[in-house]
Amino acid sequence: MGYTEENWKKRLAERSDLSTSIVHLTRGTSSRKSIEQLLKILEEKTINGSTTDSGFIVGDTPAVCFQDAPLHSITQNVWFEQKYRKENSSAKTRYIACGLSFRKSYAYKKGARPVIYEQISVAKKIIPKDEWWRIVNFDLSDNTSIIDWTHEREWRSPKAFKFSISQATVLLSNQLMYKKFMQLCEEKDIDIYKKINGIVVMNNILF
């Protein structure tokens, strides 16, 4: 038996490790390029899905990736990624602290769902092919080759995630990126910042 949304929020409010929102982080080789990508997403009101070639998606259906974690945990994930790339120069840039968050209930109604963590070969036997976009490889059997992305508590949305601008909260890594975001809005003569749900500068959460 379910319970009301108000009771649901009260339950999550008692847990510092849970959130009512999910987060999509962008990629980019520089702050400006990341912000330009973010503005493009906001103008189009669409996040296009990754594929097997551009991401880690199983099957033929592209999917948009989100993290189901509080913002302080998101910033910790990003901080670890930054340190890992410094120590491993060949490591792929997976995401930076620039993106969007949406209420979980809103994203669910738009088709987003929690992923299924399992060995790919096993998951394919128990999940219909048209749901393979939900599979994330998970394997702890080899101590020298751990495959574990459960720290992201990933959600995915098939194909593309189309959203209302008023439902989007912008996430920016620091004050400099915030100023660049506002500057680019002025340069492009767009007033998106007036229409979104809000802006969060994330380094104020972690430091």
Protein backbone atom coordinates (compact mmCIF):
# COMPACT_ATOMS: atom_id res chain seq x y z
CA MET A 1 0.00 0.00 0.00
CA GLY A 2 1.37 3.42 -0.95
CA TYR A 3 1.45 6.60 1.11
CA THR A 4 0.97 10.27 0.31
CA GLU A 5 3.60 12.48 -1.29
CA GLU A 6 3.78 14.51 1.92
CA ASN A 7 4.56 11.40 3.97
CA TRP A 8 7.10 10.36 1.34
CA LYS A 9 8.89 13.71 1.65
CA LYS A 10 8.86 13.48 5.45
CA ARG A 11 10.46 10.02 5.26
CA LEU A 12 13.25 11.26 2.97
CA ALA A 13 13.77 14.37 5.11
CA GLU A 14 14.91 12.10 7.94
CA ARG A 15 17.69 10.61 5.77
CA SER A 16 20.79 12.58 4.80
CA ASP A 17 21.73 9.93 2.21
CA LEU A 18 18.48 10.19 0.20
CA SER A 19 16.95 12.87 -2.02
CA THR A 20 13.66 13.80 -3.67
CA SER A 21 15.56 14.88 -6.83
CA ILE A 22 17.78 13.28 -9.46
CA VAL A 23 20.75 14.96 -11.15
CA HIS A 24 22.10 14.97 -14.71
CA LEU A 25 25.68 16.23 -15.04
CA THR A 26 27.19 17.41 -18.33
CA ARG A 27 30.58 16.79 -19.88
CA GLY A 28 32.96 19.37 -21.27
CA THR A 29 36.63 20.12 -21.81
CA SER A 30 36.27 23.60 -20.29
CA SER A 31 33.86 25.57 -18.11
CA ARG A 32 32.67 27.62 -21.09
CA LYS A 33 31.97 24.55 -23.24
CA SER A 34 30.12 22.90 -20.37
CA ILE A 35 27.96 25.98 -19.88
CA GLU A 36 27.33 26.26 -23.62
CA GLN A 37 26.19 22.64 -23.62
CA LEU A 38 23.99 23.33 -20.60
CA LEU A 39 22.40 26.37 -22.28
CA LYS A 40 21.77 24.32 -25.43
CA ILE A 41 19.94 21.72 -23.32
CA LEU A 42 17.88 24.43 -21.62
CA GLU A 43 16.99 26.16 -24.89
CA GLU A 44 15.93 22.86 -26.48
CA LYS A 45 14.30 21.63 -23.23
CA THR A 46 15.77 18.24 -24.08
CA ILE A 47 18.60 16.03 -22.83
CA ASN A 48 19.58 13.62 -25.59
CA GLY A 49 20.40 10.06 -24.58
CA SER A 50 23.81 8.42 -24.72
CA THR A 51 24.40 5.26 -26.76
CA THR A 52 26.64 2.23 -26.56
CA ASP A 53 29.26 4.21 -28.52
CA SER A 54 29.07 7.48 -26.57
CA GLY A 55 28.37 6.03 -23.11
CA PHE A 56 27.85 2.76 -21.29
CA ILE A 57 24.36 1.95 -22.53
CA VAL A 58 23.44 -1.68 -23.14
CA GLY A 59 21.22 -2.44 -26.14
CA ASP A 60 19.97 -0.29 -29.01
CA THR A 61 17.95 2.29 -27.07
CA PRO A 62 19.79 5.49 -26.12
CA ALA A 63 19.30 6.62 -22.52
CA VAL A 64 19.77 9.75 -20.41
CA CYS A 65 21.67 9.17 -17.17
CA PHE A 66 20.90 10.68 -13.76
CA GLN A 67 22.22 10.22 -10.22
CA ASP A 68 19.80 9.66 -7.36
CA ALA A 69 21.74 11.25 -4.52
CA PRO A 70 21.70 14.40 -2.36
CA LEU A 71 23.76 17.28 -3.74
CA HIS A 72 26.47 16.89 -1.10
CA SER A 73 26.98 13.31 -2.32
CA ILE A 74 26.97 14.45 -5.95
CA THR A 75 29.74 16.94 -5.17
CA GLN A 76 31.73 14.19 -3.45
CA ASN A 77 31.41 12.00 -6.55
CA VAL A 78 32.62 14.86 -8.76
CA TRP A 79 35.50 15.65 -6.41
CA PHE A 80 36.63 12.02 -6.48
CA GLU A 81 36.41 11.97 -10.30
CA GLN A 82 38.65 15.06 -10.46
CA LYS A 83 41.27 13.52 -8.19
CA TYR A 84 41.11 10.21 -10.06
CA ARG A 85 41.76 11.93 -13.42
CA LYS A 86 44.79 13.73 -11.97
CA GLU A 87 46.23 10.41 -10.85
CA ASN A 88 45.23 8.62 -14.08
CA SER A 89 45.85 10.84 -17.09
CA SER A 90 44.19 8.40 -19.50
CA ALA A 91 40.94 8.29 -17.50
CA LYS A 92 37.83 9.39 -19.37
CA THR A 93 36.08 12.60 -18.27
CA ARG A 94 32.70 11.25 -17.24
CA TYR A 95 31.12 14.41 -15.84
CA ILE A 96 31.84 17.69 -14.06
CA ALA A 97 29.87 19.75 -11.55
CA CYS A 98 27.61 21.38 -14.11
CA GLY A 99 24.14 20.14 -14.89
CA LEU A 100 20.48 19.98 -13.96
CA SER A 101 18.34 18.47 -11.25
CA PHE A 102 14.67 17.49 -11.42
CA ARG A 103 12.17 16.35 -8.84
CA LYS A 104 12.19 12.56 -8.79
CA SER A 105 8.40 12.33 -9.04
CA TYR A 106 8.47 14.59 -12.13
CA ALA A 107 11.21 12.54 -13.82
CA TYR A 108 9.38 9.29 -13.01
CA LYS A 109 6.24 10.54 -14.75
CA LYS A 110 8.42 11.42 -17.76
CA GLY A 111 9.65 7.81 -17.99
CA ALA A 112 12.85 7.84 -15.91
CA ARG A 113 13.51 4.71 -13.85
CA PRO A 114 16.19 3.29 -11.51
CA VAL A 115 18.74 1.16 -13.32
CA ILE A 116 19.27 -2.55 -12.70
CA TYR A 117 22.75 -3.39 -11.38
CA GLU A 118 23.85 -6.85 -12.53
CA GLN A 119 26.37 -8.63 -14.72
CA ILE A 120 25.30 -7.78 -18.26
CA SER A 121 25.14 -11.39 -19.41
CA VAL A 122 22.93 -12.30 -16.44
CA ALA A 123 20.66 -9.25 -16.72
CA LYS A 124 20.02 -9.89 -20.42
CA LYS A 125 18.53 -13.28 -19.54
CA ILE A 126 15.97 -11.86 -17.10
CA ILE A 127 15.11 -8.45 -18.62
CA PRO A 128 13.22 -7.93 -21.92
CA LYS A 129 15.42 -6.60 -24.72
CA ASP A 130 13.51 -3.32 -24.91
CA GLU A 131 14.49 -2.68 -21.26
CA TRP A 132 18.22 -3.34 -21.66
CA TRP A 133 18.88 0.43 -21.47
CA ARG A 134 18.33 0.02 -17.71
CA ILE A 135 21.23 -2.44 -17.26
CA VAL A 136 24.42 -1.22 -15.58
CA ASN A 137 27.25 -3.75 -15.33
CA PHE A 138 27.98 -4.87 -11.75
CA ASP A 139 30.59 -7.51 -10.87
CA LEU A 140 32.50 -7.99 -7.61
CA SER A 141 33.80 -11.47 -8.45
CA ASP A 142 37.36 -10.38 -9.34
CA ASN A 143 39.19 -8.38 -6.68
CA THR A 144 41.63 -7.07 -9.30
CA SER A 145 38.87 -5.79 -11.59
CA ILE A 146 35.96 -4.41 -9.57
CA ILE A 147 33.01 -3.13 -11.60
CA ASP A 148 30.77 -1.11 -9.27
CA TRP A 149 28.91 2.10 -10.11
CA THR A 150 26.31 1.77 -7.36
CA HIS A 151 27.65 4.94 -5.71
CA GLU A 152 25.84 6.86 -8.46
CA ARG A 153 22.45 5.28 -7.65
CA GLU A 154 21.73 5.75 -11.31
CA TRP A 155 18.40 6.41 -12.96
CA ARG A 156 17.92 6.44 -16.72
CA SER A 157 15.34 7.75 -19.14
CA PRO A 158 15.02 6.05 -22.55
CA LYS A 159 15.82 7.95 -25.77
CA ALA A 160 15.63 11.66 -24.81
CA PHE A 161 14.41 13.44 -21.68
CA LYS A 162 12.12 16.33 -22.64
CA PHE A 163 11.25 18.70 -19.81
CA SER A 164 9.48 21.91 -18.87
CA ILE A 165 11.97 24.72 -18.23
CA SER A 166 10.26 25.59 -14.93
CA GLN A 167 11.08 22.12 -13.58
CA ALA A 168 14.84 22.44 -14.11
CA THR A 169 17.27 23.53 -11.39
CA VAL A 170 20.70 24.53 -12.73
CA LEU A 171 23.78 23.19 -10.94
CA LEU A 172 27.10 25.03 -11.34
CA SER A 173 30.41 24.11 -9.73
CA ASN A 174 31.53 27.48 -8.35
CA GLN A 175 31.02 31.25 -8.38
CA LEU A 176 33.20 31.68 -11.49
CA MET A 177 31.05 29.24 -13.45
CA TYR A 178 27.92 31.03 -12.18
CA LYS A 179 29.25 34.35 -13.49
CA LYS A 180 30.12 32.74 -16.84
CA PHE A 181 26.62 31.27 -17.04
CA MET A 182 25.05 34.69 -16.47
CA GLN A 183 27.50 36.32 -18.89
CA LEU A 184 26.65 33.83 -21.65
CA CYS A 185 22.94 34.41 -21.05
CA GLU A 186 23.56 38.12 -21.63
CA GLU A 187 25.74 37.51 -24.72
CA LYS A 188 23.11 35.25 -26.26
CA ASP A 189 20.33 37.61 -25.13
CA ILE A 190 18.34 34.85 -23.45
CA ASP A 191 16.51 35.06 -20.13
CA ILE A 192 16.49 31.35 -19.25
CA TYR A 193 17.66 32.17 -15.71
CA LYS A 194 14.29 33.87 -15.14
CA LYS A 195 12.34 30.76 -16.14
CA ILE A 196 14.20 27.92 -14.40
CA ASN A 197 13.41 26.59 -10.94
CA GLY A 198 16.65 27.96 -9.48
CA ILE A 199 20.47 27.84 -9.45
CA VAL A 200 22.73 26.00 -7.00
CA VAL A 201 26.46 26.77 -6.71
CA MET A 202 27.81 23.41 -5.62
CA ASN A 203 31.18 24.21 -4.05
CA ASN A 204 29.26 26.00 -1.28
CA ILE A 205 27.86 22.60 -0.34
CA LEU A 206 31.17 20.73 -0.07
CA PHE A 207 33.60 23.41 1.16
